[in-house]
């Protein structure tokens, strides 16, 4: 099996899944590039040269993630030849920014995550852990870069934006209680999680101290060792129910994913593996509400050993 993406309880309601560090390391993958094409129903695909790039360290952990975003669209009039005549038409040109996040580890634990908006804004999160590798503190800072070269980061000023601490109580039944404390060391939230014998999270129940009526719950179901369904229910704004369903092929590889909100299908994702190396070749995101498709092709960089793309 060469499962590159692994659905997990932690990423079930996020846009992206975890990369499988064992596969990334064993295959010697240094970088994965997503090449993205968007297509409206009944229209031709539009290639705006959008990419997402994921870089990895020697342990197979994500070290940097960056993507292109369109900041400005410029329409230009061009002339094209049709038969013996010339006709005017409008073409789009795009200006891009690169948004990035860098990741730093100690003892395989994430200790720093630094976000850069492509211009002058940097925001960093610093993490601390206990002896059981449980997160105990998260500090969030706005930072300045004293380097004139954006590709080099020299830390200047830091302004603390928030600081959260986490205290745990673990019970023999496989239940863990976490108390969240703010930068004044005052508790503001409690979370109770239950795990099965394999250490997989079965459910999570969050309550807020200042607003006892707010409740957020998550449930997770597994099949043959794989996450099969994740559900979320919350009332912090309007009542909302989210659900994600995962389907796997005979090789236990993810091949289909459906995301619902209040029982309405939001997205369906189909995953395609490369028959030669078993790695994920591409995936297609279907948005039925906007009647559109996003086609994502993966290109793998194996460092100095080889460079293999799965395009086409």
Protein backbone atom coordinates (compact mmCIF):
# COMPACT_ATOMS: atom_id res chain seq x y z
CA UNK A 1 0.00 0.00 0.00
CA UNK A 2 1.20 3.54 -0.76
CA UNK A 3 -1.46 5.67 0.90
CA UNK A 4 -0.07 9.22 0.62
CA UNK A 5 -3.00 10.95 2.34
CA UNK A 6 -4.46 9.62 5.59
CA UNK A 7 -7.85 10.81 6.89
CA UNK A 8 -7.73 11.29 10.66
CA UNK A 9 -9.91 12.53 13.49
CA UNK A 10 -7.75 15.66 13.70
CA UNK A 11 -8.16 16.58 10.01
CA UNK A 12 -11.68 15.29 9.32
CA UNK A 13 -13.18 18.80 9.17
CA UNK A 14 -10.21 20.57 7.58
CA UNK A 15 -9.56 21.15 3.87
CA UNK A 16 -6.52 18.87 3.69
CA UNK A 17 -5.61 15.47 5.11
CA UNK A 18 -2.41 14.46 6.83
CA UNK A 19 0.39 13.23 4.63
CA UNK A 20 1.58 9.74 5.57
CA UNK A 21 5.12 10.31 6.95
CA UNK A 22 6.03 6.61 6.63
CA UNK A 23 5.28 6.59 2.90
CA UNK A 24 6.90 10.00 2.36
CA UNK A 25 10.07 8.82 4.11
CA UNK A 26 10.24 5.30 2.65
CA UNK A 27 9.69 6.57 -0.93
CA UNK A 28 12.23 9.36 -0.50
CA UNK A 29 9.68 12.02 -1.44
CA UNK A 30 11.08 15.52 -0.96
CA UNK A 31 8.28 17.54 -2.50
CA UNK A 32 4.75 17.12 -3.84
CA UNK A 33 3.28 19.74 -6.18
CA UNK A 34 -0.45 20.06 -6.77
CA UNK A 35 -1.23 21.43 -10.24
CA UNK A 36 -4.77 22.77 -10.18
CA UNK A 37 -7.30 23.33 -12.96
CA UNK A 38 -10.84 24.61 -12.35
CA UNK A 39 -13.77 23.82 -14.59
CA UNK A 40 -17.36 25.01 -14.60
CA UNK A 41 -20.00 22.62 -15.87
CA UNK A 42 -20.53 22.93 -19.64
CA UNK A 43 -17.44 25.15 -19.95
CA UNK A 44 -13.86 24.44 -20.96
CA UNK A 45 -11.27 23.99 -18.17
CA UNK A 46 -9.43 27.13 -17.05
CA UNK A 47 -5.74 26.78 -16.24
CA UNK A 48 -4.75 29.76 -14.08
CA UNK A 49 -1.35 28.23 -13.18
CA UNK A 50 -2.48 27.67 -9.60
CA UNK A 51 -0.25 25.39 -7.55
CA UNK A 52 0.14 24.07 -4.03
CA UNK A 53 3.56 22.79 -2.97
CA UNK A 54 4.37 20.57 0.01
CA UNK A 55 8.00 20.05 1.10
CA UNK A 56 9.12 17.36 3.56
CA UNK A 57 12.05 16.75 5.91
CA UNK A 58 14.09 13.54 6.26
CA UNK A 59 11.51 12.09 8.69
CA UNK A 60 8.71 12.49 6.15
CA UNK A 61 7.14 15.38 8.05
CA UNK A 62 5.78 18.47 6.33
CA UNK A 63 8.40 21.23 6.52
CA UNK A 64 6.90 23.88 4.23
CA UNK A 65 3.61 24.46 2.47
CA UNK A 66 3.03 27.26 -0.03
CA UNK A 67 0.52 28.08 -2.71
CA UNK A 68 -0.17 30.67 -5.37
CA UNK A 69 -3.13 32.99 -5.05
CA UNK A 70 -4.44 35.45 -7.62
CA UNK A 71 -4.31 39.00 -6.28
CA UNK A 72 -5.29 40.78 -9.48
CA UNK A 73 -6.84 39.91 -12.83
CA UNK A 74 -5.99 42.08 -15.83
CA UNK A 75 -8.05 41.89 -19.02
CA UNK A 76 -6.24 42.66 -22.24
CA UNK A 77 -7.58 42.98 -25.75
CA UNK A 78 -5.73 40.81 -28.26
CA UNK A 79 -6.26 40.15 -31.94
CA UNK A 80 -6.53 36.63 -33.28
CA UNK A 81 -6.69 35.51 -36.88
CA UNK A 82 -9.87 33.74 -37.96
CA UNK A 83 -9.58 32.64 -41.57
CA UNK A 84 -8.54 35.68 -43.56
CA UNK A 85 -9.69 38.22 -40.98
CA UNK A 86 -8.50 39.42 -37.59
CA UNK A 87 -10.86 39.57 -34.63
CA UNK A 88 -10.50 41.18 -31.22
CA UNK A 89 -11.00 39.16 -28.06
CA UNK A 90 -10.34 39.60 -24.33
CA UNK A 91 -7.77 37.52 -22.48
CA UNK A 92 -7.05 37.42 -18.75
CA UNK A 93 -3.60 37.87 -17.25
CA UNK A 94 -3.07 37.14 -13.57
CA UNK A 95 -0.83 38.60 -10.87
CA UNK A 96 0.09 36.19 -8.07
CA UNK A 97 1.23 36.16 -4.47
CA UNK A 98 2.76 33.18 -2.71
CA UNK A 99 1.32 32.36 0.72
CA UNK A 100 3.44 30.02 2.81
CA UNK A 101 3.65 28.19 6.14
CA UNK A 102 6.89 26.73 7.54
CA UNK A 103 7.04 23.93 10.12
CA UNK A 104 9.80 23.17 12.65
CA UNK A 105 10.16 20.08 14.85
CA UNK A 106 11.99 18.83 17.93
CA UNK A 107 11.89 15.12 18.81
CA UNK A 108 9.34 14.78 15.96
CA UNK A 109 6.95 17.17 17.75
CA UNK A 110 5.85 20.33 15.96
CA UNK A 111 7.29 23.23 17.98
CA UNK A 112 6.84 26.17 15.59
CA UNK A 113 4.51 26.97 12.70
CA UNK A 114 5.18 30.27 10.89
CA UNK A 115 2.69 31.77 8.42
CA UNK A 116 3.58 34.39 5.79
CA UNK A 117 0.90 36.12 3.71
CA UNK A 118 3.25 36.78 0.78
CA UNK A 119 3.69 40.45 1.71
CA UNK A 120 4.82 41.75 5.11
CA UNK A 121 2.66 39.86 7.61
CA UNK A 122 4.13 36.98 9.64
CA UNK A 123 2.30 35.06 12.32
CA UNK A 124 3.84 32.25 14.35
CA UNK A 125 2.55 29.62 16.75
CA UNK A 126 4.93 28.05 19.28
CA UNK A 127 4.06 24.71 20.91
CA UNK A 128 5.17 23.00 24.15
CA UNK A 129 4.57 19.38 25.19
CA UNK A 130 4.62 17.21 28.31
CA UNK A 131 6.42 13.88 28.82
CA UNK A 132 3.54 12.06 27.09
CA UNK A 133 3.94 14.29 24.00
CA UNK A 134 0.64 16.02 24.77
CA UNK A 135 0.32 19.67 23.81
CA UNK A 136 0.53 21.83 26.95
CA UNK A 137 0.91 25.37 25.59
CA UNK A 138 0.34 27.31 22.38
CA UNK A 139 1.65 30.86 22.00
CA UNK A 140 0.59 32.94 19.02
CA UNK A 141 2.74 35.92 17.94
CA UNK A 142 2.73 38.54 15.23
CA UNK A 143 6.35 38.84 14.08
CA UNK A 144 8.48 41.07 11.88
CA UNK A 145 11.16 39.97 9.45
CA UNK A 146 14.32 42.08 9.60
CA UNK A 147 15.71 40.57 6.41
CA UNK A 148 15.34 42.54 3.15
CA UNK A 149 15.19 39.18 1.36
CA UNK A 150 11.79 37.51 1.82
CA UNK A 151 13.32 34.07 1.31
CA UNK A 152 15.38 34.59 4.51
CA UNK A 153 13.70 35.08 7.89
CA UNK A 154 15.51 37.12 10.56
CA UNK A 155 13.31 37.53 13.60
CA UNK A 156 12.76 41.11 14.70
CA UNK A 157 9.84 42.17 16.88
CA UNK A 158 7.31 39.84 18.50
CA UNK A 159 3.85 40.83 19.70
CA UNK A 160 1.93 38.24 21.72
CA UNK A 161 -1.57 37.78 20.30
CA UNK A 162 -2.77 34.92 22.49
CA UNK A 163 -1.54 32.21 24.81
CA UNK A 164 -3.42 29.01 25.60
CA UNK A 165 -2.49 26.30 28.09
CA UNK A 166 -3.86 22.77 28.34
CA UNK A 167 -4.23 20.56 31.42
CA UNK A 168 -5.12 16.87 31.19
CA UNK A 169 -6.79 14.25 33.35
CA UNK A 170 -6.65 10.68 32.03
CA UNK A 171 -8.89 7.87 33.26
CA UNK A 172 -8.46 4.10 33.00
CA UNK A 173 -11.57 3.82 30.84
CA UNK A 174 -9.77 5.47 27.91
CA UNK A 175 -11.27 8.85 28.66
CA UNK A 176 -9.28 12.08 28.74
CA UNK A 177 -10.42 15.44 30.04
CA UNK A 178 -8.67 18.58 28.80
CA UNK A 179 -9.04 22.01 30.41
CA UNK A 180 -8.22 25.01 28.19
CA UNK A 181 -6.79 28.11 29.90
CA UNK A 182 -6.31 31.59 28.41
CA UNK A 183 -3.33 33.94 28.82
CA UNK A 184 -4.69 34.98 32.25
CA UNK A 185 -4.51 31.30 33.27
CA UNK A 186 -8.29 31.16 33.54
CA UNK A 187 -10.18 28.14 32.19
CA UNK A 188 -12.54 28.91 29.32
CA UNK A 189 -13.32 25.48 27.83
CA UNK A 190 -13.43 21.81 28.79
CA UNK A 191 -13.17 18.88 26.42
CA UNK A 192 -13.84 15.21 27.16
CA UNK A 193 -12.56 12.63 24.67
CA UNK A 194 -13.00 8.85 24.57
CA UNK A 195 -10.60 6.45 22.83
CA UNK A 196 -10.74 2.80 21.85
CA UNK A 197 -8.14 0.15 22.76
CA UNK A 198 -6.08 1.09 19.68
CA UNK A 199 -5.86 4.71 20.83
CA UNK A 200 -8.22 6.03 18.16
CA UNK A 201 -10.52 8.86 19.13
CA UNK A 202 -14.18 7.78 19.27
CA UNK A 203 -15.84 11.02 20.32
CA UNK A 204 -15.19 14.46 21.76
CA UNK A 205 -17.51 16.77 23.70
CA UNK A 206 -16.62 20.45 24.20
CA UNK A 207 -18.32 22.88 26.59
CA UNK A 208 -17.54 26.55 27.24
CA UNK A 209 -17.46 28.00 30.74
CA UNK A 210 -18.56 31.58 29.92
CA UNK A 211 -21.30 30.35 27.58
CA UNK A 212 -22.55 27.06 28.99
CA UNK A 213 -25.19 26.75 26.25
CA UNK A 214 -22.50 26.37 23.57
CA UNK A 215 -21.72 22.73 22.90
CA UNK A 216 -19.62 21.15 20.18
CA UNK A 217 -19.47 17.40 19.65
CA UNK A 218 -17.56 15.10 17.31
CA UNK A 219 -17.98 11.39 16.60
CA UNK A 220 -15.70 9.05 14.66
CA UNK A 221 -16.36 5.59 13.23
CA UNK A 222 -13.75 3.17 11.92
CA UNK A 223 -13.85 0.18 9.57
CA UNK A 224 -10.97 -2.26 9.14
CA UNK A 225 -8.65 0.16 10.90
CA UNK A 226 -9.57 3.13 8.67
CA UNK A 227 -11.61 6.22 9.49
CA UNK A 228 -14.98 5.62 7.80
CA UNK A 229 -17.14 8.49 9.05
CA UNK A 230 -16.73 11.72 11.02
CA UNK A 231 -19.57 13.86 12.34
CA UNK A 232 -19.66 17.29 14.00
CA UNK A 233 -22.55 19.02 15.73
CA UNK A 234 -22.35 22.55 17.12
CA UNK A 235 -24.46 25.56 18.05
CA UNK A 236 -21.90 28.36 18.49
CA UNK A 237 -23.63 30.32 15.70
CA UNK A 238 -26.49 28.52 14.02
CA UNK A 239 -27.13 24.83 14.64
CA UNK A 240 -24.91 22.94 12.25
CA UNK A 241 -24.19 19.31 11.51
CA UNK A 242 -21.17 18.32 9.41
CA UNK A 243 -20.47 14.83 8.14
CA UNK A 244 -17.65 13.30 6.14
CA UNK A 245 -17.84 9.77 4.72
CA UNK A 246 -14.75 7.91 3.48
CA UNK A 247 -14.67 4.93 1.12
CA UNK A 248 -11.68 2.65 0.45
CA UNK A 249 -10.84 0.20 -2.33
CA UNK A 250 -9.80 -3.46 -2.02
CA UNK A 251 -6.25 -2.35 -1.20
CA UNK A 252 -7.58 -0.20 1.69
CA UNK A 253 -6.64 2.94 -0.22
CA UNK A 254 -8.87 6.01 -0.03
CA UNK A 255 -10.79 6.44 -3.30
CA UNK A 256 -13.90 8.48 -2.45
CA UNK A 257 -14.89 11.12 0.08
CA UNK A 258 -18.16 12.98 0.59
CA UNK A 259 -18.68 16.07 2.74
CA UNK A 260 -22.13 17.14 3.96
CA UNK A 261 -23.53 20.11 5.85
CA UNK A 262 -26.98 19.62 7.38
CA UNK A 263 -27.41 16.57 5.10
CA UNK A 264 -26.66 18.60 1.93
CA UNK A 265 -23.74 17.33 -0.15
CA UNK A 266 -21.10 20.06 -0.34
CA UNK A 267 -18.20 18.26 -2.01
CA UNK A 268 -17.38 14.87 -3.42
CA UNK A 269 -13.73 13.95 -3.91
CA UNK A 270 -12.55 11.08 -6.09
CA UNK A 271 -8.96 9.85 -5.68
CA UNK A 272 -7.00 8.14 -8.46
CA UNK A 273 -3.86 6.05 -7.90
CA UNK A 274 -0.99 5.55 -10.32
CA UNK A 275 -1.01 1.93 -11.51
CA UNK A 276 2.78 1.83 -11.82
CA UNK A 277 3.94 3.01 -8.39
CA UNK A 278 0.70 2.93 -6.37
CA UNK A 279 1.04 6.59 -5.35
CA UNK A 280 -1.82 9.03 -5.53
CA UNK A 281 -1.97 10.32 -9.11
CA UNK A 282 -4.75 12.91 -8.92
CA UNK A 283 -8.03 13.79 -7.30
CA UNK A 284 -11.15 15.53 -8.53
CA UNK A 285 -13.27 17.74 -6.28
CA UNK A 286 -16.88 18.00 -7.37
CA UNK A 287 -18.91 20.97 -6.05
CA UNK A 288 -22.57 20.27 -6.96
CA UNK A 289 -23.86 23.57 -5.60
CA UNK A 290 -21.55 25.73 -7.72
CA UNK A 291 -21.64 23.20 -10.57
CA UNK A 292 -17.88 23.10 -10.81
CA UNK A 293 -14.91 20.75 -10.71
CA UNK A 294 -11.39 21.20 -9.41
CA UNK A 295 -8.89 18.82 -10.99
CA UNK A 296 -5.68 18.34 -9.01
CA UNK A 297 -2.70 16.46 -10.49
CA UNK A 298 0.23 15.47 -8.30
CA UNK A 299 3.88 15.75 -9.28
CA UNK A 300 6.46 14.07 -7.05
CA UNK A 301 10.03 15.19 -6.47
CA UNK A 302 12.29 12.44 -5.13
CA UNK A 303 15.25 14.74 -4.59
CA UNK A 304 18.57 13.91 -6.20
CA UNK A 305 17.64 10.27 -6.81
CA UNK A 306 14.94 10.83 -9.40
CA UNK A 307 12.18 13.18 -10.40
CA UNK A 308 8.93 11.53 -11.36
CA UNK A 309 5.69 13.23 -12.32
CA UNK A 310 2.29 11.60 -12.54
CA UNK A 311 0.94 14.09 -15.02
CA UNK A 312 -1.06 12.79 -17.93
